Amino acid sequence: LPVIAPELPEVLLQVAVCLLLFDFEYFLWHLLHHKVPWLYKTFHKV
């Protein structure tokens, strides 16, 4: 836990980048788990 807080623009930028990365990663994971029947039935159907 550092003593100094981050700057607001840095926080906003990094949160936005994290969201964009997560969106891309989950899109690929999600697409794969719908296109491959075994993955869908085993892991995503629930």
All heavy atoms as atom14 arrays in JSON, in Angstrom:
{
  "sequence": "LPVIAPELPEVLLQVAVCLLLFDFEYFLWHLLHHKVPWLYKTFHKV",
  "atom14_mask": [
    [1, 1, 1, 1, 1, 1, 1, 1, 0, 0, 0, 0, 0, 0],
    [1, 1, 1, 1, 1, 1, 1, 0, 0, 0, 0, 0, 0, 0],
    [1, 1, 1, 1, 1, 1, 1, 0, 0, 0, 0, 0, 0, 0],
    [1, 1, 1, 1, 1, 1, 1, 1, 0, 0, 0, 0, 0, 0],
    [1, 1, 1, 1, 1, 0, 0, 0, 0, 0, 0, 0, 0, 0],
    [1, 1, 1, 1, 1, 1, 1, 0, 0, 0, 0, 0, 0, 0],
    [1, 1, 1, 1, 1, 1, 1, 1, 1, 0, 0, 0, 0, 0],
    [1, 1, 1, 1, 1, 1, 1, 1, 0, 0, 0, 0, 0, 0],
    [1, 1, 1, 1, 1, 1, 1, 0, 0, 0, 0, 0, 0, 0],
    [1, 1, 1, 1, 1, 1, 1, 1, 1, 0, 0, 0, 0, 0],
    [1, 1, 1, 1, 1, 1, 1, 0, 0, 0, 0, 0, 0, 0],
    [1, 1, 1, 1, 1, 1, 1, 1, 0, 0, 0, 0, 0, 0],
    [1, 1, 1, 1, 1, 1, 1, 1, 0, 0, 0, 0, 0, 0],
    [1, 1, 1, 1, 1, 1, 1, 1, 1, 0, 0, 0, 0, 0],
    [1, 1, 1, 1, 1, 1, 1, 0, 0, 0, 0, 0, 0, 0],
    [1, 1, 1, 1, 1, 0, 0, 0, 0, 0, 0, 0, 0, 0],
    [1, 1, 1, 1, 1, 1, 1, 0, 0, 0, 0, 0, 0, 0],
    [1, 1, 1, 1, 1, 1, 0, 0, 0, 0, 0, 0, 0, 0],
    [1, 1, 1, 1, 1, 1, 1, 1, 0, 0, 0, 0, 0, 0],
    [1, 1, 1, 1, 1, 1, 1, 1, 0, 0, 0, 0, 0, 0],
    [1, 1, 1, 1, 1, 1, 1, 1, 0, 0, 0, 0, 0, 0],
    [1, 1, 1, 1, 1, 1, 1, 1, 1, 1, 1, 0, 0, 0],
    [1, 1, 1, 1, 1, 1, 1, 1, 0, 0, 0, 0, 0, 0],
    [1, 1, 1, 1, 1, 1, 1, 1, 1, 1, 1, 0, 0, 0],
    [1, 1, 1, 1, 1, 1, 1, 1, 1, 0, 0, 0, 0, 0],
    [1, 1, 1, 1, 1, 1, 1, 1, 1, 1, 1, 1, 0, 0],
    [1, 1, 1, 1, 1, 1, 1, 1, 1, 1, 1, 0, 0, 0],
    [1, 1, 1, 1, 1, 1, 1, 1, 0, 0, 0, 0, 0, 0],
    [1, 1, 1, 1, 1, 1, 1, 1, 1, 1, 1, 1, 1, 1],
    [1, 1, 1, 1, 1, 1, 1, 1, 1, 1, 0, 0, 0, 0],
    [1, 1, 1, 1, 1, 1, 1, 1, 0, 0, 0, 0, 0, 0],
    [1, 1, 1, 1, 1, 1, 1, 1, 0, 0, 0, 0, 0, 0],
    [1, 1, 1, 1, 1, 1, 1, 1, 1, 1, 0, 0, 0, 0],
    [1, 1, 1, 1, 1, 1, 1, 1, 1, 1, 0, 0, 0, 0],
    [1, 1, 1, 1, 1, 1, 1, 1, 1, 0, 0, 0, 0, 0],
    [1, 1, 1, 1, 1, 1, 1, 0, 0, 0, 0, 0, 0, 0],
    [1, 1, 1, 1, 1, 1, 1, 0, 0, 0, 0, 0, 0, 0],
    [1, 1, 1, 1, 1, 1, 1, 1, 1, 1, 1, 1, 1, 1],
    [1, 1, 1, 1, 1, 1, 1, 1, 0, 0, 0, 0, 0, 0],
    [1, 1, 1, 1, 1, 1, 1, 1, 1, 1, 1, 1, 0, 0],
    [1, 1, 1, 1, 1, 1, 1, 1, 1, 0, 0, 0, 0, 0],
    [1, 1, 1, 1, 1, 1, 1, 0, 0, 0, 0, 0, 0, 0],
    [1, 1, 1, 1, 1, 1, 1, 1, 1, 1, 1, 0, 0, 0],
    [1, 1, 1, 1, 1, 1, 1, 1, 1, 1, 0, 0, 0, 0],
    [1, 1, 1, 1, 1, 1, 1, 1, 1, 0, 0, 0, 0, 0],
    [1, 1, 1, 1, 1, 1, 1, 0, 0, 0, 0, 0, 0, 0]
  ],
  "atom14_positions": [
    [[0.84, -1.19, 0.0], [0.0, 0.0, 0.0], [0.88, 1.25, 0.0], [1.38, 1.66, 1.05], [-0.92, 0.01, 1.23], [-1.88, -1.18, 1.36], [-2.72, -1.04, 2.62], [-2.76, -1.32, 0.13], [0.0, 0.0, 0.0], [0.0, 0.0, 0.0], [0.0, 0.0, 0.0], [0.0, 0.0, 0.0], [0.0, 0.0, 0.0], [0.0, 0.0, 0.0]],
    [[1.1, 1.85, -1.16], [1.92, 3.07, -1.2], [1.24, 4.21, -0.45], [0.03, 4.22, -0.28], [2.03, 3.37, -2.7], [0.97, 2.59, -3.35], [0.61, 1.45, -2.48], [0.0, 0.0, 0.0], [0.0, 0.0, 0.0], [0.0, 0.0, 0.0], [0.0, 0.0, 0.0], [0.0, 0.0, 0.0], [0.0, 0.0, 0.0], [0.0, 0.0, 0.0]],
    [[2.04, 5.18, -0.05], [1.51, 6.33, 0.71], [0.74, 7.28, -0.21], [-0.3, 7.81, 0.16], [2.66, 7.07, 1.42], [2.14, 8.33, 2.11], [3.36, 6.15, 2.41], [0.0, 0.0, 0.0], [0.0, 0.0, 0.0], [0.0, 0.0, 0.0], [0.0, 0.0, 0.0], [0.0, 0.0, 0.0], [0.0, 0.0, 0.0], [0.0, 0.0, 0.0]],
    [[1.25, 7.47, -1.41], [0.7, 8.46, -2.34], [-0.38, 7.83, -3.22], [-0.2, 6.72, -3.75], [1.8, 9.06, -3.24], [2.9, 9.67, -2.37], [1.22, 10.11, -4.17], [2.44, 10.8, -1.48], [0.0, 0.0, 0.0], [0.0, 0.0, 0.0], [0.0, 0.0, 0.0], [0.0, 0.0, 0.0], [0.0, 0.0, 0.0], [0.0, 0.0, 0.0]],
    [[-1.48, 8.53, -3.39], [-2.55, 8.09, -4.27], [-2.17, 8.33, -5.73], [-1.33, 9.19, -6.02], [-3.83, 8.83, -3.94], [0.0, 0.0, 0.0], [0.0, 0.0, 0.0], [0.0, 0.0, 0.0], [0.0, 0.0, 0.0], [0.0, 0.0, 0.0], [0.0, 0.0, 0.0], [0.0, 0.0, 0.0], [0.0, 0.0, 0.0], [0.0, 0.0, 0.0]],
    [[-2.79, 7.61, -6.66], [-2.51, 7.87, -8.08], [-3.21, 9.15, -8.53], [-4.14, 9.63, -7.88], [-3.12, 6.64, -8.77], [-4.23, 6.23, -7.86], [-3.76, 6.52, -6.47], [0.0, 0.0, 0.0], [0.0, 0.0, 0.0], [0.0, 0.0, 0.0], [0.0, 0.0, 0.0], [0.0, 0.0, 0.0], [0.0, 0.0, 0.0], [0.0, 0.0, 0.0]],
    [[-2.77, 9.68, -9.66], [-3.44, 10.86, -10.23], [-4.74, 10.44, -10.9], [-4.85, 9.33, -11.44], [-2.52, 11.54, -11.24], [-1.26, 12.13, -10.63], [-0.37, 12.78, -11.67], [-0.82, 12.95, -12.82], [0.79, 13.09, -11.34], [0.0, 0.0, 0.0], [0.0, 0.0, 0.0], [0.0, 0.0, 0.0], [0.0, 0.0, 0.0], [0.0, 0.0, 0.0]],
    [[-5.72, 11.31, -10.86], [-7.04, 11.0, -11.4], [-7.01, 10.63, -12.9], [-7.63, 9.62, -13.3], [-8.0, 12.17, -11.16], [-9.45, 11.96, -11.6], [-10.07, 10.75, -10.9], [-10.28, 13.22, -11.32], [0.0, 0.0, 0.0], [0.0, 0.0, 0.0], [0.0, 0.0, 0.0], [0.0, 0.0, 0.0], [0.0, 0.0, 0.0], [0.0, 0.0, 0.0]],
    [[-6.33, 11.4, -13.76], [-6.27, 11.0, -15.19], [-5.67, 9.61, -15.39], [-6.11, 8.86, -16.26], [-5.39, 12.08, -15.82], [-5.5, 13.25, -14.92], [-5.62, 12.68, -13.54], [0.0, 0.0, 0.0], [0.0, 0.0, 0.0], [0.0, 0.0, 0.0], [0.0, 0.0, 0.0], [0.0, 0.0, 0.0], [0.0, 0.0, 0.0], [0.0, 0.0, 0.0]],
    [[-4.66, 9.29, -14.59], [-4.03, 7.96, -14.68], [-5.03, 6.87, -14.32], [-5.11, 5.84, -15.0], [-2.83, 7.9, -13.73], [-2.17, 6.54, -13.62], [-1.16, 6.47, -12.48], [-0.55, 7.51, -12.15], [-0.99, 5.38, -11.91], [0.0, 0.0, 0.0], [0.0, 0.0, 0.0], [0.0, 0.0, 0.0], [0.0, 0.0, 0.0], [0.0, 0.0, 0.0]],
    [[-5.81, 7.1, -13.27], [-6.82, 6.12, -12.85], [-7.86, 5.93, -13.94], [-8.21, 4.8, -14.32], [-7.5, 6.56, -11.54], [-8.68, 5.66, -11.21], [-6.5, 6.53, -10.4], [0.0, 0.0, 0.0], [0.0, 0.0, 0.0], [0.0, 0.0, 0.0], [0.0, 0.0, 0.0], [0.0, 0.0, 0.0], [0.0, 0.0, 0.0], [0.0, 0.0, 0.0]],
    [[-8.37, 7.03, -14.48], [-9.42, 6.96, -15.51], [-8.92, 6.23, -16.76], [-9.63, 5.4, -17.32], [-9.89, 8.37, -15.87], [-10.59, 9.16, -14.76], [-10.92, 10.57, -15.23], [-11.85, 8.44, -14.3], [0.0, 0.0, 0.0], [0.0, 0.0, 0.0], [0.0, 0.0, 0.0], [0.0, 0.0, 0.0], [0.0, 0.0, 0.0], [0.0, 0.0, 0.0]],
    [[-7.68, 6.55, -17.16], [-7.11, 5.91, -18.34], [-6.92, 4.42, -18.12], [-7.3, 3.59, -18.97], [-5.78, 6.57, -18.7], [-5.01, 5.94, -19.88], [-5.83, 6.03, -21.16], [-3.65, 6.6, -20.05], [0.0, 0.0, 0.0], [0.0, 0.0, 0.0], [0.0, 0.0, 0.0], [0.0, 0.0, 0.0], [0.0, 0.0, 0.0], [0.0, 0.0, 0.0]],
    [[-6.33, 4.05, -16.98], [-6.04, 2.63, -16.73], [-7.32, 1.81, -16.53], [-7.38, 0.66, -16.97], [-5.11, 2.49, -15.53], [-3.7, 2.98, -15.82], [-2.74, 2.72, -14.66], [-3.14, 2.65, -13.5], [-1.46, 2.6, -14.98], [0.0, 0.0, 0.0], [0.0, 0.0, 0.0], [0.0, 0.0, 0.0], [0.0, 0.0, 0.0], [0.0, 0.0, 0.0]],
    [[-8.32, 2.39, -15.89], [-9.6, 1.68, -15.75], [-10.23, 1.45, -17.12], [-10.74, 0.36, -17.41], [-10.56, 2.46, -14.83], [-11.98, 1.89, -14.9], [-10.07, 2.41, -13.38], [0.0, 0.0, 0.0], [0.0, 0.0, 0.0], [0.0, 0.0, 0.0], [0.0, 0.0, 0.0], [0.0, 0.0, 0.0], [0.0, 0.0, 0.0], [0.0, 0.0, 0.0]],
    [[-10.17, 2.46, -17.98], [-10.72, 2.32, -19.33], [-9.97, 1.24, -20.12], [-10.6, 0.41, -20.8], [-10.64, 3.66, -20.07], [0.0, 0.0, 0.0], [0.0, 0.0, 0.0], [0.0, 0.0, 0.0], [0.0, 0.0, 0.0], [0.0, 0.0, 0.0], [0.0, 0.0, 0.0], [0.0, 0.0, 0.0], [0.0, 0.0, 0.0], [0.0, 0.0, 0.0]],
    [[-8.64, 1.23, -20.02], [-7.84, 0.22, -20.74], [-8.14, -1.18, -20.19], [-8.27, -2.14, -20.96], [-6.33, 0.54, -20.64], [-5.5, -0.6, -21.23], [-6.02, 1.85, -21.36], [0.0, 0.0, 0.0], [0.0, 0.0, 0.0], [0.0, 0.0, 0.0], [0.0, 0.0, 0.0], [0.0, 0.0, 0.0], [0.0, 0.0, 0.0], [0.0, 0.0, 0.0]],
    [[-8.24, -1.3, -18.88], [-8.57, -2.59, -18.26], [-9.93, -3.1, -18.75], [-10.1, -4.29, -19.03], [-8.58, -2.48, -16.74], [-6.95, -2.43, -15.98], [0.0, 0.0, 0.0], [0.0, 0.0, 0.0], [0.0, 0.0, 0.0], [0.0, 0.0, 0.0], [0.0, 0.0, 0.0], [0.0, 0.0, 0.0], [0.0, 0.0, 0.0], [0.0, 0.0, 0.0]],
    [[-10.9, -2.2, -18.86], [-12.22, -2.58, -19.35], [-12.18, -3.04, -20.8], [-12.8, -4.04, -21.17], [-13.2, -1.41, -19.21], [-13.81, -1.17, -17.84], [-14.64, 0.11, -17.85], [-14.66, -2.35, -17.39], [0.0, 0.0, 0.0], [0.0, 0.0, 0.0], [0.0, 0.0, 0.0], [0.0, 0.0, 0.0], [0.0, 0.0, 0.0], [0.0, 0.0, 0.0]],
    [[-11.42, -2.33, -21.62], [-11.29, -2.7, -23.03], [-10.59, -4.04, -23.19], [-10.99, -4.86, -24.03], [-10.55, -1.6, -23.79], [-11.33, -0.31, -24.02], [-10.41, 0.8, -24.49], [-12.45, -0.53, -25.04], [0.0, 0.0, 0.0], [0.0, 0.0, 0.0], [0.0, 0.0, 0.0], [0.0, 0.0, 0.0], [0.0, 0.0, 0.0], [0.0, 0.0, 0.0]],
    [[-9.55, -4.27, -22.39], [-8.85, -5.55, -22.43], [-9.76, -6.69, -21.98], [-9.83, -7.74, -22.61], [-7.6, -5.5, -21.55], [-6.4, -4.72, -22.09], [-5.32, -4.62, -21.02], [-5.83, -5.4, -23.34], [0.0, 0.0, 0.0], [0.0, 0.0, 0.0], [0.0, 0.0, 0.0], [0.0, 0.0, 0.0], [0.0, 0.0, 0.0], [0.0, 0.0, 0.0]],
    [[-10.47, -6.47, -20.87], [-11.39, -7.48, -20.35], [-12.48, -7.78, -21.38], [-12.85, -8.94, -21.6], [-12.02, -7.02, -19.05], [-12.98, -8.02, -18.45], [-12.51, -9.03, -17.62], [-14.34, -7.94, -18.71], [-13.39, -9.97, -17.08], [-15.22, -8.87, -18.18], [-14.75, -9.88, -17.36], [0.0, 0.0, 0.0], [0.0, 0.0, 0.0], [0.0, 0.0, 0.0]],
    [[-12.98, -6.76, -22.02], [-14.03, -6.92, -23.03], [-13.55, -7.8, -24.18], [-14.28, -8.67, -24.65], [-14.43, -5.54, -23.55], [-15.68, -5.56, -24.42], [-16.77, -5.79, -23.87], [-15.54, -5.35, -25.64], [0.0, 0.0, 0.0], [0.0, 0.0, 0.0], [0.0, 0.0, 0.0], [0.0, 0.0, 0.0], [0.0, 0.0, 0.0], [0.0, 0.0, 0.0]],
    [[-12.3, -7.57, -24.62], [-11.72, -8.36, -25.71], [-11.48, -9.8, -25.28], [-11.81, -10.75, -26.0], [-10.41, -7.72, -26.17], [-9.66, -8.54, -27.18], [-10.19, -8.8, -28.44], [-8.41, -9.07, -26.87], [-9.5, -9.56, -29.36], [-7.71, -9.84, -27.8], [-8.25, -10.08, -29.05], [0.0, 0.0, 0.0], [0.0, 0.0, 0.0], [0.0, 0.0, 0.0]],
    [[-10.92, -9.98, -24.09], [-10.62, -11.33, -23.58], [-11.89, -12.15, -23.4], [-11.96, -13.31, -23.8], [-9.86, -11.22, -22.25], [-8.46, -10.66, -22.39], [-7.95, -10.01, -21.1], [-8.74, -9.85, -20.14], [-6.76, -9.65, -21.06], [0.0, 0.0, 0.0], [0.0, 0.0, 0.0], [0.0, 0.0, 0.0], [0.0, 0.0, 0.0], [0.0, 0.0, 0.0]],
    [[-12.89, -11.51, -22.81], [-14.13, -12.25, -22.58], [-14.86, -12.52, -23.89], [-15.49, -13.57, -24.05], [-15.05, -11.48, -21.63], [-16.31, -12.26, -21.32], [-16.24, -13.49, -20.66], [-17.56, -11.81, -21.7], [-17.37, -14.23, -20.39], [-18.7, -12.53, -21.44], [-18.6, -13.74, -20.78], [-19.73, -14.47, -20.53], [0.0, 0.0, 0.0], [0.0, 0.0, 0.0]],
    [[-14.77, -11.58, -24.85], [-15.39, -11.81, -26.16], [-14.83, -13.09, -26.8], [-15.59, -13.93, -27.28], [-15.15, -10.62, -27.09], [-15.57, -10.88, -28.51], [-16.9, -10.86, -28.88], [-14.61, -11.19, -29.49], [-17.29, -11.11, -30.2], [-14.99, -11.45, -30.79], [-16.33, -11.41, -31.16], [0.0, 0.0, 0.0], [0.0, 0.0, 0.0], [0.0, 0.0, 0.0]],
    [[-13.5, -13.23, -26.81], [-12.88, -14.42, -27.4], [-13.26, -15.68, -26.63], [-13.59, -16.72, -27.23], [-11.35, -14.26, -27.43], [-10.78, -13.18, -28.35], [-9.26, -13.15, -28.25], [-11.21, -13.43, -29.8], [0.0, 0.0, 0.0], [0.0, 0.0, 0.0], [0.0, 0.0, 0.0], [0.0, 0.0, 0.0], [0.0, 0.0, 0.0], [0.0, 0.0, 0.0]],
    [[-13.21, -15.62, -25.29], [-13.59, -16.77, -24.46], [-15.04, -17.15, -24.72], [-15.36, -18.33, -24.89], [-13.39, -16.39, -22.98], [-13.59, -17.52, -22.02], [-12.62, -18.29, -21.45], [-14.85, -18.01, -21.5], [-13.2, -19.23, -20.6], [-14.56, -19.08, -20.62], [-16.18, -17.64, -21.69], [-15.56, -19.78, -19.94], [-17.18, -18.34, -21.02], [-16.85, -19.4, -20.17]],
    [[-15.89, -16.16, -24.74], [-17.32, -16.38, -24.9], [-17.65, -16.96, -26.27], [-18.43, -17.92, -26.39], [-18.04, -15.03, -24.71], [-19.48, -15.15, -24.35], [-20.31, -14.06, -24.22], [-20.26, -16.23, -24.08], [-21.52, -14.47, -23.88], [-21.53, -15.78, -23.8], [0.0, 0.0, 0.0], [0.0, 0.0, 0.0], [0.0, 0.0, 0.0], [0.0, 0.0, 0.0]],
    [[-17.06, -16.39, -27.32], [-17.27, -16.88, -28.68], [-16.83, -18.33, -28.8], [-17.56, -19.17, -29.37], [-16.5, -16.0, -29.67], [-16.68, -16.3, -31.16], [-18.11, -16.02, -31.59], [-15.71, -15.46, -31.99], [0.0, 0.0, 0.0], [0.0, 0.0, 0.0], [0.0, 0.0, 0.0], [0.0, 0.0, 0.0], [0.0, 0.0, 0.0], [0.0, 0.0, 0.0]],
    [[-15.67, -18.65, -28.26], [-15.14, -20.01, -28.31], [-16.07, -20.99, -27.58], [-16.33, -22.09, -28.07], [-13.75, -20.04, -27.68], [-13.0, -21.38, -27.7], [-12.67, -21.78, -29.14], [-11.73, -21.3, -26.86], [0.0, 0.0, 0.0], [0.0, 0.0, 0.0], [0.0, 0.0, 0.0], [0.0, 0.0, 0.0], [0.0, 0.0, 0.0], [0.0, 0.0, 0.0]],
    [[-16.59, -20.58, -26.44], [-17.44, -21.47, -25.64], [-18.86, -21.59, -26.19], [-19.64, -22.39, -25.69], [-17.46, -21.0, -24.19], [-16.23, -21.37, -23.42], [-15.01, -20.77, -23.67], [-16.0, -22.29, -22.44], [-14.1, -21.3, -22.86], [-14.67, -22.22, -22.12], [0.0, 0.0, 0.0], [0.0, 0.0, 0.0], [0.0, 0.0, 0.0], [0.0, 0.0, 0.0]],
    [[-19.17, -20.8, -27.22], [-20.44, -21.0, -27.93], [-20.23, -21.78, -29.22], [-21.11, -22.54, -29.63], [-21.08, -19.65, -28.25], [-21.99, -19.15, -27.16], [-23.33, -19.41, -27.13], [-21.72, -18.4, -26.07], [-23.88, -18.85, -26.06], [-22.91, -18.23, -25.39], [0.0, 0.0, 0.0], [0.0, 0.0, 0.0], [0.0, 0.0, 0.0], [0.0, 0.0, 0.0]],
    [[-19.08, -21.61, -29.85], [-18.82, -22.25, -31.13], [-18.4, -23.71, -30.99], [-18.59, -24.5, -31.9], [-17.74, -21.47, -31.9], [-18.14, -20.07, -32.3], [-19.36, -20.04, -33.2], [-19.73, -18.62, -33.62], [-20.96, -18.59, -34.44], [0.0, 0.0, 0.0], [0.0, 0.0, 0.0], [0.0, 0.0, 0.0], [0.0, 0.0, 0.0], [0.0, 0.0, 0.0]],
    [[-17.8, -24.06, -29.85], [-17.37, -25.44, -29.62], [-18.4, -26.11, -28.7], [-18.5, -25.77, -27.51], [-15.97, -25.5, -28.96], [-15.56, -26.95, -28.73], [-14.95, -24.77, -29.83], [0.0, 0.0, 0.0], [0.0, 0.0, 0.0], [0.0, 0.0, 0.0], [0.0, 0.0, 0.0], [0.0, 0.0, 0.0], [0.0, 0.0, 0.0], [0.0, 0.0, 0.0]],
    [[-19.21, -27.03, -29.24], [-20.31, -27.62, -28.47], [-19.88, -28.22, -27.14], [-20.58, -28.08, -26.13], [-20.87, -28.7, -29.41], [-20.52, -28.21, -30.78], [-19.2, -27.53, -30.63], [0.0, 0.0, 0.0], [0.0, 0.0, 0.0], [0.0, 0.0, 0.0], [0.0, 0.0, 0.0], [0.0, 0.0, 0.0], [0.0, 0.0, 0.0], [0.0, 0.0, 0.0]],
    [[-18.72, -28.92, -27.11], [-18.26, -29.54, -25.86], [-17.99, -28.49, -24.79], [-18.34, -28.68, -23.62], [-17.0, -30.36, -26.11], [-16.49, -31.02, -24.87], [-16.93, -32.18, -24.3], [-15.43, -30.54, -24.02], [-16.22, -32.46, -23.14], [-15.3, -31.47, -22.95], [-14.58, -29.43, -24.06], [-14.35, -31.31, -21.94], [-13.64, -29.27, -23.05], [-13.53, -30.2, -22.01]],
    [[-17.35, -27.38, -25.18], [-17.07, -26.31, -24.23], [-18.37, -25.69, -23.7], [-18.49, -25.39, -22.51], [-16.21, -25.23, -24.88], [-14.76, -25.59, -25.18], [-14.06, -24.45, -25.93], [-14.0, -25.92, -23.9], [0.0, 0.0, 0.0], [0.0, 0.0, 0.0], [0.0, 0.0, 0.0], [0.0, 0.0, 0.0], [0.0, 0.0, 0.0], [0.0, 0.0, 0.0]],
    [[-19.33, -25.51, -24.61], [-20.6, -24.92, -24.18], [-21.32, -25.83, -23.18], [-21.74, -25.39, -22.11], [-21.5, -24.66, -25.39], [-22.85, -24.09, -25.0], [-23.0, -22.73, -24.73], [-23.96, -24.93, -24.86], [-24.23, -22.21, -24.35], [-25.19, -24.41, -24.47], [-25.31, -23.05, -24.22], [-26.53, -22.55, -23.82], [0.0, 0.0, 0.0], [0.0, 0.0, 0.0]],
    [[-21.45, -27.1, -23.53], [-22.2, -28.03, -22.67], [-21.49, -28.25, -21.34], [-22.13, -28.39, -20.29], [-22.38, -29.36, -23.39], [-23.33, -29.29, -24.58], [-23.41, -30.64, -25.31], [-24.31, -30.54, -26.52], [-24.36, -31.82, -27.29], [0.0, 0.0, 0.0], [0.0, 0.0, 0.0], [0.0, 0.0, 0.0], [0.0, 0.0, 0.0], [0.0, 0.0, 0.0]],
    [[-20.17, -28.29, -21.38], [-19.4, -28.61, -20.17], [-19.23, -27.42, -19.24], [-19.29, -27.59, -18.01], [-18.01, -29.15, -20.56], [-18.16, -30.21, -21.51], [-17.27, -29.68, -19.33], [0.0, 0.0, 0.0], [0.0, 0.0, 0.0], [0.0, 0.0, 0.0], [0.0, 0.0, 0.0], [0.0, 0.0, 0.0], [0.0, 0.0, 0.0], [0.0, 0.0, 0.0]],
    [[-19.03, -26.23, -19.8], [-18.63, -25.1, -18.96], [-19.58, -23.9, -18.97], [-19.69, -23.2, -17.97], [-17.24, -24.6, -19.38], [-16.16, -25.64, -19.24], [-15.47, -26.09, -20.35], [-15.84, -26.17, -18.0], [-14.47, -27.05, -20.23], [-14.85, -27.12, -17.86], [-14.16, -27.57, -18.98], [0.0, 0.0, 0.0], [0.0, 0.0, 0.0], [0.0, 0.0, 0.0]],
    [[-20.25, -23.64, -20.1], [-20.97, -22.37, -20.22], [-22.49, -22.52, -20.15], [-23.19, -21.54, -19.87], [-20.58, -21.68, -21.53], [-21.08, -20.27, -21.65], [-20.88, -19.31, -20.67], [-21.79, -19.66, -22.65], [-21.42, -18.17, -21.06], [-21.99, -18.35, -22.25], [0.0, 0.0, 0.0], [0.0, 0.0, 0.0], [0.0, 0.0, 0.0], [0.0, 0.0, 0.0]],
    [[-22.98, -23.7, -20.35], [-24.43, -23.91, -20.44], [-25.15, -23.48, -19.16], [-26.27, -22.96, -19.2], [-24.73, -25.37, -20.75], [-26.21, -25.65, -21.0], [-26.44, -27.11, -21.37], [-27.92, -27.37, -21.6], [-28.17, -28.8, -21.97], [0.0, 0.0, 0.0], [0.0, 0.0, 0.0], [0.0, 0.0, 0.0], [0.0, 0.0, 0.0], [0.0, 0.0, 0.0]],
    [[-24.51, -23.71, -18.02], [-25.14, -23.39, -16.74], [-25.49, -21.89, -16.65], [-26.51, -21.52, -16.06], [-24.25, -23.82, -15.55], [-22.92, -23.08, -15.56], [-24.95, -23.6, -14.22], [0.0, 0.0, 0.0], [0.0, 0.0, 0.0], [0.0, 0.0, 0.0], [0.0, 0.0, 0.0], [0.0, 0.0, 0.0], [0.0, 0.0, 0.0], [0.0, 0.0, 0.0]]
  ]
}
